[in-house]
Amino acid sequence: MGLLSVPRGYVQEEYLVSGMARPYYGPLVLAQLHVAATSQLPAMPYTTRIIVVRPIRPQHSNHTAVVTWENVTFGHDIDEWFDIGRQVEAGGYTYVDASVQLASAPLLKAFDPVRYATVSIPVDAYSYDIYSQVAQALRHPDAIHSTPLRHVLALGASQSGFALDQYLADVQPVQQRVYDGFLVAVANGPDHHTDRPVIRLLSEDEIDGTSDSPDAKLYRQWEIAGSAHGNKADFDYIAATERRDLGVDLVDPLAGDNSPLGLTACQMNRFPADQAYAAALVALRRWVVEGKAPAVQPRVKVVAGAIARDKVGNAIGGIRLPAMAAPTAAYNRTGDCVALDGRTEPFTTAQLRRRYPTHEMYVEAVTRAARRSVRDGVLTPLAAHRVSAEARASRVPGP
């Protein structure tokens, strides 16, 4: 359990967290229960686990924790290290995985019945209060080995992004204000008009015109052209953790060209979505710490509920990271390999030569796009350096 590998200069620790949690329900459920407020419902005891990955030396910390609401879509915990790990390491963040939903418990106990014997998580209505209490614990002066955490950010993606939407709607504005900012990823939803900064990061799989809230004082929506709900890097990481912890891949049969069952021969999405996650994390922290809101970004063009595409099939509009500004493939032009995997259709050598007659022209196009993305605040300088180096090392437009 935990990260596949811990970065140099960091330590990974696991804690059991216990307390009494109250459930949170929306107004419709409360009416069905014939109660006026969640405070009238009984609290229940819980014990769960969190994983903390922090700089070993306090002086290397940026005093900011980012708490991932673990995704339990596959019946076990899925973290977000594959999306933000590089930036956590580069920026000195404290990274926390929080197991707050009922579905986390069975496989924890199966993995180690002794170690997790006391883990007990009530139904998911209690998850919101547990998630709040994790933040409260992290803020305690003695929580993380004398490393003070001045800011705590919330991160949820996909199923966990939907959970954060419920948190923003029913918990944050009414009951508890323990998170300083929210990164809600690959999950549709509105601007909930809370008193904390929110960045909603959407892939092409969620862009259908339903998340139509305009950018506002405390709300930004980033729509990442070329990205998909899941991609090869994500699934490779998840599969590796499953092989280590469970002895079997649960995700591979759902992962396009990763599939050992031969379900499809197509290439699942290769778009480097982690670049957008890293930039969003940096932008959210700056917004919280310095009060500097990120620039408003263009939205992907949607016509009649469908993404408008250019002549090669790539989305029009949106945040255009170097992989889209200087593309070598069409992304998601013909749908998914398998549900939510996206698709990558590499350009032929002939197509690449028409677009980039020389290798130097390709490198210049990528480098120019990287500089522009950094200037726009949607790519970190670290990622820009890596992107330019990868372009120089490539063989585009071909041998």
Protein backbone atom coordinates (compact mmCIF):
# COMPACT_ATOMS: atom_id res chain seq x y z
CA MET A 1 0.00 0.00 0.00
CA GLY A 2 1.17 3.54 -0.67
CA LEU A 3 3.33 4.99 -3.43
CA LEU A 4 5.21 2.79 -5.86
CA SER A 5 8.36 4.70 -4.95
CA VAL A 6 9.09 7.60 -2.62
CA PRO A 7 11.03 10.57 -4.02
CA ARG A 8 14.50 11.28 -2.71
CA GLY A 9 14.31 13.65 0.24
CA TYR A 10 10.78 12.52 1.15
CA VAL A 11 9.42 10.02 3.64
CA GLN A 12 6.18 8.06 3.47
CA GLU A 13 4.24 7.43 6.68
CA GLU A 14 0.92 5.80 7.45
CA TYR A 15 -1.42 6.82 10.27
CA LEU A 16 -4.70 5.53 11.63
CA VAL A 17 -7.21 8.32 12.21
CA SER A 18 -10.15 7.82 14.56
CA GLY A 19 -13.04 9.91 15.77
CA MET A 20 -16.78 10.46 15.73
CA ALA A 21 -18.25 11.57 12.40
CA ARG A 22 -21.62 12.98 11.49
CA PRO A 23 -23.36 12.27 8.18
CA TYR A 24 -24.02 14.93 5.58
CA TYR A 25 -27.01 14.82 3.27
CA GLY A 26 -28.46 17.26 0.79
CA PRO A 27 -31.81 18.99 1.37
CA LEU A 28 -33.87 16.34 -0.46
CA VAL A 29 -32.54 13.47 1.65
CA LEU A 30 -32.92 15.46 4.85
CA ALA A 31 -36.57 16.04 3.96
CA GLN A 32 -37.04 12.30 3.41
CA LEU A 33 -35.48 11.64 6.82
CA HIS A 34 -37.78 14.27 8.36
CA VAL A 35 -34.95 16.24 9.91
CA ALA A 36 -34.08 19.89 9.42
CA ALA A 37 -30.29 19.60 9.62
CA THR A 38 -27.54 17.00 9.65
CA SER A 39 -26.65 18.05 13.19
CA GLN A 40 -29.81 16.23 14.30
CA LEU A 41 -28.50 12.90 12.99
CA PRO A 42 -26.40 10.62 15.20
CA ALA A 43 -22.61 10.58 15.03
CA MET A 44 -20.82 7.27 14.51
CA PRO A 45 -17.29 6.12 15.38
CA TYR A 46 -14.78 5.53 12.60
CA THR A 47 -11.18 4.51 12.13
CA THR A 48 -9.45 4.89 8.81
CA ARG A 49 -5.96 5.31 7.44
CA ILE A 50 -4.12 8.14 5.76
CA ILE A 51 -0.78 8.05 3.96
CA VAL A 52 1.46 11.10 4.34
CA VAL A 53 4.36 11.77 1.98
CA ARG A 54 6.37 14.75 3.21
CA PRO A 55 9.80 16.35 2.89
CA ILE A 56 12.17 14.83 5.43
CA ARG A 57 13.62 18.23 6.28
CA PRO A 58 11.08 20.81 7.46
CA GLN A 59 13.00 23.60 5.72
CA HIS A 60 12.22 21.94 2.38
CA SER A 61 8.46 22.10 3.01
CA ASN A 62 6.25 24.75 1.41
CA HIS A 63 3.89 24.31 4.39
CA THR A 64 1.03 23.22 2.13
CA ALA A 65 -0.73 19.88 2.23
CA VAL A 66 -2.78 18.51 -0.64
CA VAL A 67 -5.27 15.88 0.51
CA THR A 68 -6.51 13.38 -2.06
CA TRP A 69 -9.96 11.90 -1.56
CA GLU A 70 -9.07 8.33 -2.54
CA ASN A 71 -11.00 7.09 -5.58
CA VAL A 72 -12.70 3.71 -4.99
CA THR A 73 -14.17 3.14 -8.45
CA PHE A 74 -12.30 -0.18 -8.87
CA GLY A 75 -13.09 -1.36 -5.35
CA HIS A 76 -9.79 -0.21 -3.86
CA ASP A 77 -7.98 3.05 -3.18
CA ILE A 78 -6.63 4.96 -6.17
CA ASP A 79 -4.44 7.96 -5.37
CA GLU A 80 -3.45 10.96 -7.50
CA TRP A 81 0.31 10.66 -7.31
CA PHE A 82 0.51 9.85 -11.03
CA ASP A 83 -1.00 13.27 -11.78
CA ILE A 84 0.68 15.56 -9.25
CA GLY A 85 3.64 13.63 -7.84
CA ARG A 86 6.29 15.45 -9.83
CA GLN A 87 5.00 18.81 -8.68
CA VAL A 88 4.66 17.64 -5.08
CA GLU A 89 8.34 16.69 -5.14
CA ALA A 90 9.47 19.84 -6.93
CA GLY A 91 7.39 22.20 -4.83
CA GLY A 92 7.90 20.80 -1.34
CA TYR A 93 4.27 19.86 -0.76
CA THR A 94 3.02 17.43 1.83
CA TYR A 95 0.92 14.86 -0.02
CA VAL A 96 -1.85 13.02 1.82
CA ASP A 97 -4.03 10.11 0.66
CA ALA A 98 -7.23 9.85 2.68
CA SER A 99 -9.33 6.66 2.67
CA VAL A 100 -12.74 8.04 3.60
CA GLN A 101 -15.30 5.83 1.86
CA LEU A 102 -16.75 2.50 2.94
CA ALA A 103 -15.38 0.75 -0.16
CA SER A 104 -11.80 1.34 1.01
CA ALA A 105 -12.10 -0.96 4.02
CA PRO A 106 -12.57 -4.48 2.58
CA LEU A 107 -9.39 -4.58 0.48
CA LEU A 108 -7.36 -2.90 3.21
CA LYS A 109 -8.40 -5.71 5.54
CA ALA A 110 -7.77 -8.33 2.84
CA PHE A 111 -4.29 -6.91 2.25
CA ASP A 112 -3.36 -7.03 5.95
CA PRO A 113 -6.04 -8.21 8.42
CA VAL A 114 -3.86 -7.39 11.42
CA ARG A 115 -2.58 -4.01 10.33
CA TYR A 116 -6.06 -2.80 9.41
CA ALA A 117 -8.08 -4.76 11.97
CA THR A 118 -9.52 -1.62 13.54
CA VAL A 119 -10.43 0.13 10.27
CA SER A 120 -14.15 0.82 10.27
CA ILE A 121 -15.75 3.36 7.93
CA PRO A 122 -19.51 4.02 8.09
CA VAL A 123 -21.63 4.54 4.99
CA ASP A 124 -20.46 7.22 2.58
CA ALA A 125 -22.67 9.95 4.07
CA TYR A 126 -20.06 10.06 6.86
CA SER A 127 -17.15 10.39 4.44
CA TYR A 128 -17.45 14.18 4.22
CA ASP A 129 -16.97 14.70 7.94
CA ILE A 130 -14.09 12.20 7.99
CA TYR A 131 -12.46 14.14 5.14
CA SER A 132 -12.91 17.35 7.14
CA GLN A 133 -11.41 15.80 10.25
CA VAL A 134 -8.33 14.70 8.29
CA ALA A 135 -7.70 18.35 7.39
CA GLN A 136 -8.27 19.40 10.99
CA ALA A 137 -5.76 16.81 12.18
CA LEU A 138 -3.15 17.97 9.67
CA ARG A 139 -3.52 21.53 10.92
CA HIS A 140 -2.63 20.54 14.48
CA PRO A 141 0.78 22.01 15.43
CA ASP A 142 2.17 18.58 16.35
CA ALA A 143 0.63 16.65 13.47
CA ILE A 144 3.52 16.26 11.01
CA HIS A 145 6.75 16.06 12.98
CA SER A 146 7.03 19.77 13.73
CA THR A 147 6.45 20.75 10.10
CA PRO A 148 3.71 23.39 10.32
CA LEU A 149 1.08 23.16 7.61
CA ARG A 150 -0.38 26.59 7.01
CA HIS A 151 -2.56 25.67 4.04
CA VAL A 152 -4.55 22.55 3.20
CA LEU A 153 -5.87 21.92 -0.33
CA ALA A 154 -8.48 19.38 -1.40
CA LEU A 155 -8.10 17.21 -4.49
CA GLY A 156 -10.61 14.78 -5.97
CA ALA A 157 -10.73 13.28 -9.46
CA SER A 158 -13.50 11.39 -11.26
CA GLN A 159 -15.66 9.65 -8.64
CA SER A 160 -13.82 11.60 -5.95
CA GLY A 161 -14.33 14.80 -7.91
CA PHE A 162 -18.06 14.17 -7.76
CA ALA A 163 -17.70 13.65 -3.99
CA LEU A 164 -15.92 17.00 -3.69
CA ASP A 165 -18.79 18.58 -5.61
CA GLN A 166 -21.17 17.30 -2.94
CA TYR A 167 -18.76 18.58 -0.30
CA LEU A 168 -18.75 22.03 -1.88
CA ALA A 169 -22.54 22.04 -2.20
CA ASP A 170 -23.58 20.70 1.21
CA VAL A 171 -20.62 20.82 3.62
CA GLN A 172 -18.15 23.61 2.90
CA PRO A 173 -20.60 26.54 2.88
CA VAL A 174 -22.79 25.29 5.72
CA GLN A 175 -20.82 23.32 8.29
CA GLN A 176 -17.05 23.33 8.08
CA ARG A 177 -14.39 25.46 6.42
CA VAL A 178 -11.21 23.47 6.87
CA TYR A 179 -9.90 23.34 3.30
CA ASP A 180 -8.40 26.48 1.79
CA GLY A 181 -8.92 25.57 -1.87
CA PHE A 182 -10.33 22.83 -4.07
CA LEU A 183 -9.09 21.11 -7.21
CA VAL A 184 -12.01 19.17 -8.70
CA ALA A 185 -10.83 17.09 -11.65
CA VAL A 186 -12.59 15.23 -14.49
CA ALA A 187 -16.00 15.66 -12.85
CA ASN A 188 -18.79 17.87 -14.17
CA GLY A 189 -20.51 20.35 -11.93
CA PRO A 190 -21.35 24.02 -11.39
CA ASP A 191 -19.71 26.87 -9.54
CA HIS A 192 -21.03 26.32 -6.02
CA HIS A 193 -20.20 29.92 -5.05
CA THR A 194 -18.31 28.95 -1.92
CA ASP A 195 -15.91 31.21 -0.05
CA ARG A 196 -12.84 29.26 -1.15
CA PRO A 197 -11.02 29.17 -4.52
CA VAL A 198 -12.04 26.29 -6.80
CA ILE A 199 -10.38 25.08 -9.99
CA ARG A 200 -12.39 22.57 -12.02
CA LEU A 201 -10.19 20.67 -14.47
CA LEU A 202 -12.04 18.89 -17.27
CA SER A 203 -10.88 16.48 -19.95
CA GLU A 204 -12.61 16.05 -23.29
CA ASP A 205 -14.72 13.25 -21.81
CA GLU A 206 -16.56 15.71 -19.57
CA ILE A 207 -16.79 18.61 -22.00
CA ASP A 208 -20.33 18.50 -23.36
CA GLY A 209 -21.63 21.93 -22.43
CA THR A 210 -23.20 20.88 -19.12
CA SER A 211 -20.47 22.46 -16.94
CA ASP A 212 -21.31 25.92 -18.14
CA SER A 213 -20.64 28.11 -15.10
CA PRO A 214 -18.64 31.18 -16.12
CA ASP A 215 -15.34 31.91 -14.46
CA ALA A 216 -15.89 34.03 -11.38
CA LYS A 217 -14.14 35.63 -8.43
CA LEU A 218 -13.46 32.26 -6.77
CA TYR A 219 -14.03 29.86 -9.67
CA ARG A 220 -11.94 28.83 -12.65
CA GLN A 221 -12.73 26.10 -15.17
CA TRP A 222 -9.84 24.59 -17.11
CA GLU A 223 -10.77 22.56 -20.18
CA ILE A 224 -7.78 20.60 -21.45
CA ALA A 225 -7.95 19.97 -25.18
CA GLY A 226 -6.58 16.54 -26.07
CA SER A 227 -6.92 14.97 -22.64
CA ALA A 228 -9.18 12.07 -21.67
CA HIS A 229 -10.79 10.96 -18.42
CA GLY A 230 -8.08 8.32 -18.08
CA ASN A 231 -4.87 7.79 -20.03
CA LYS A 232 -2.11 5.25 -20.47
CA ALA A 233 0.14 6.75 -17.81
CA ASP A 234 -2.71 6.62 -15.28
CA PHE A 235 -3.60 3.02 -16.04
CA ASP A 236 0.03 1.87 -16.08
CA TYR A 237 0.50 3.31 -12.58
CA ILE A 238 -2.75 1.84 -11.23
CA ALA A 239 -1.98 -1.57 -12.74
CA ALA A 240 1.49 -1.58 -11.16
CA THR A 241 0.03 -0.86 -7.71
CA GLU A 242 -2.53 -3.63 -8.20
CA ARG A 243 0.15 -6.15 -9.14
CA ARG A 244 2.14 -5.17 -6.06
CA ASP A 245 -0.74 -5.07 -3.55
CA LEU A 246 -3.28 -7.55 -4.93
CA GLY A 247 -1.24 -9.85 -7.13
CA VAL A 248 -3.60 -9.26 -10.04
CA ASP A 249 -4.43 -6.49 -12.50
CA LEU A 250 -8.00 -5.33 -12.18
CA VAL A 251 -7.65 -2.31 -14.43
CA ASP A 252 -5.81 -3.72 -17.47
CA PRO A 253 -8.85 -5.39 -19.08
CA LEU A 254 -10.44 -1.91 -19.11
CA ALA A 255 -7.43 -0.09 -20.46
CA GLY A 256 -7.38 -0.16 -24.24
CA ASP A 257 -4.06 -1.31 -25.64
CA ASN A 258 -2.99 -2.35 -22.13
CA SER A 259 -5.63 -5.07 -22.21
CA PRO A 260 -4.31 -8.65 -21.99
CA LEU A 261 -7.67 -9.84 -23.27
CA GLY A 262 -7.22 -8.30 -26.71
CA LEU A 263 -10.39 -6.25 -26.40
CA THR A 264 -9.05 -3.58 -28.72
CA ALA A 265 -6.03 -2.88 -30.85
CA CYS A 266 -6.29 0.90 -30.63
CA GLN A 267 -3.91 3.12 -28.69
CA MET A 268 -5.48 4.65 -25.60
CA ASN A 269 -4.92 8.31 -24.81
CA ARG A 270 -1.26 9.36 -24.50
CA PHE A 271 -1.91 13.02 -23.80
CA PRO A 272 0.22 14.25 -20.85
CA ALA A 273 -2.67 15.36 -18.63
CA ASP A 274 -0.40 15.41 -15.57
CA GLN A 275 1.05 18.66 -16.91
CA ALA A 276 -2.32 20.35 -16.45
CA TYR A 277 -2.82 18.87 -12.97
CA ALA A 278 0.60 20.14 -11.86
CA ALA A 279 -0.08 23.63 -13.18
CA ALA A 280 -3.53 23.67 -11.57
CA LEU A 281 -2.03 22.69 -8.22
CA VAL A 282 0.52 25.52 -8.46
CA ALA A 283 -2.17 28.00 -9.53
CA LEU A 284 -4.49 26.96 -6.70
CA ARG A 285 -1.78 27.31 -4.08
CA ARG A 286 -0.80 30.75 -5.37
CA TRP A 287 -4.47 31.76 -5.31
CA VAL A 288 -4.79 30.64 -1.69
CA VAL A 289 -1.44 31.89 -0.39
CA GLU A 290 -0.98 35.09 -2.38
CA GLY A 291 -4.55 35.90 -3.38
CA LYS A 292 -3.58 35.90 -7.07
CA ALA A 293 -6.36 34.32 -9.12
CA PRO A 294 -5.21 32.41 -12.22
CA ALA A 295 -5.98 33.95 -15.59
CA VAL A 296 -9.26 32.98 -17.22
CA GLN A 297 -8.61 30.29 -19.83
CA PRO A 298 -10.44 29.63 -23.11
CA ARG A 299 -13.07 26.88 -23.18
CA VAL A 300 -13.21 24.04 -25.70
CA LYS A 301 -15.66 24.80 -28.50
CA VAL A 302 -18.86 22.76 -28.18
CA VAL A 303 -21.55 22.66 -30.87
CA ALA A 304 -24.86 20.90 -30.16
CA GLY A 305 -23.31 19.05 -27.22
CA ALA A 306 -20.30 17.77 -29.20
CA ILE A 307 -16.71 19.02 -29.30
CA ALA A 308 -15.86 20.90 -32.49
CA ARG A 309 -12.74 19.56 -34.17
CA ASP A 310 -10.18 20.76 -36.67
CA LYS A 311 -9.31 19.07 -39.97
CA VAL A 312 -7.12 16.41 -38.29
CA GLY A 313 -9.68 15.70 -35.59
CA ASN A 314 -8.25 17.59 -32.64
CA ALA A 315 -10.50 19.70 -30.42
CA ILE A 316 -10.84 23.40 -31.15
CA GLY A 317 -10.25 25.86 -28.32
CA GLY A 318 -9.54 25.13 -24.68
CA ILE A 319 -6.17 25.03 -22.94
CA ARG A 320 -3.68 23.95 -25.57
CA LEU A 321 -0.59 22.49 -23.98
CA PRO A 322 2.41 21.80 -26.27
CA ALA A 323 1.09 18.34 -27.17
CA MET A 324 -1.90 20.07 -28.79
CA ALA A 325 -0.24 23.27 -29.96
CA ALA A 326 2.46 21.24 -31.75
CA PRO A 327 0.69 17.88 -32.16
CA THR A 328 2.07 14.59 -33.40
CA ALA A 329 -1.27 12.78 -33.14
CA ALA A 330 -5.02 13.17 -33.17
CA TYR A 331 -6.57 12.76 -29.72
CA ASN A 332 -10.03 11.31 -29.15
CA ARG A 333 -11.07 11.93 -32.76
CA THR A 334 -13.05 8.71 -32.97
CA GLY A 335 -13.94 8.15 -29.33
CA ASP A 336 -12.51 5.81 -26.72
CA CYS A 337 -10.55 2.59 -27.06
CA VAL A 338 -12.55 1.33 -24.09
CA ALA A 339 -14.81 3.53 -21.97
CA LEU A 340 -13.07 6.68 -20.68
CA ASP A 341 -9.62 5.72 -22.01
CA GLY A 342 -9.62 8.18 -24.88
CA ARG A 343 -7.74 7.44 -28.08
CA THR A 344 -4.47 8.43 -29.72
CA GLU A 345 -3.98 8.18 -33.48
CA PRO A 346 -0.35 9.01 -34.29
CA PHE A 347 0.28 11.02 -37.42
CA THR A 348 2.05 9.20 -40.24
CA THR A 349 5.57 10.20 -41.22
CA ALA A 350 4.12 11.92 -44.29
CA GLN A 351 1.73 13.94 -42.12
CA LEU A 352 4.53 14.88 -39.76
CA ARG A 353 6.82 15.98 -42.60
CA ARG A 354 4.11 18.22 -44.03
CA ARG A 355 3.62 19.82 -40.63
CA TYR A 356 7.30 19.89 -39.56
CA PRO A 357 9.64 19.70 -42.55
CA THR A 358 12.67 19.42 -40.25
CA HIS A 359 13.36 18.22 -36.74
CA GLU A 360 14.52 21.71 -35.81
CA MET A 361 11.15 23.15 -36.85
CA TYR A 362 9.35 20.67 -34.63
CA VAL A 363 11.59 21.47 -31.65
CA GLU A 364 11.01 25.18 -32.20
CA ALA A 365 7.24 24.69 -32.38
CA VAL A 366 7.21 22.73 -29.13
CA THR A 367 9.53 25.15 -27.34
CA ARG A 368 7.46 28.13 -28.46
CA ALA A 369 4.26 26.42 -27.29
CA ALA A 370 5.84 25.56 -23.94
CA ARG A 371 6.90 29.17 -23.36
CA ARG A 372 3.40 30.37 -24.19
CA SER A 373 1.82 27.83 -21.84
CA VAL A 374 4.12 28.87 -19.00
CA ARG A 375 3.24 32.51 -19.65
CA ASP A 376 -0.46 31.61 -19.55
CA GLY A 377 -0.01 29.80 -16.23
CA VAL A 378 -1.11 26.37 -17.49
CA LEU A 379 2.33 24.72 -17.60
CA THR A 380 5.00 24.78 -14.92
CA PRO A 381 8.56 25.79 -15.84
CA LEU A 382 9.69 22.31 -14.74
CA ALA A 383 7.26 20.66 -17.18
CA ALA A 384 8.23 23.10 -19.93
CA HIS A 385 11.88 22.14 -19.56
CA ARG A 386 10.97 18.44 -19.73
CA VAL A 387 8.72 18.93 -22.78
CA SER A 388 11.43 20.79 -24.69
CA ALA A 389 14.03 18.16 -23.80
CA GLU A 390 11.72 15.38 -24.99
CA ALA A 391 11.17 17.22 -28.27
CA ARG A 392 14.92 17.55 -28.83
CA ALA A 393 15.39 13.85 -28.08
CA SER A 394 12.60 12.77 -30.42
CA ARG A 395 12.91 11.71 -34.06
CA VAL A 396 10.01 13.85 -35.31
CA PRO A 397 9.31 14.18 -38.20
CA GLY A 398 10.87 10.76 -38.75
CA PRO A 399 14.03 8.96 -39.84
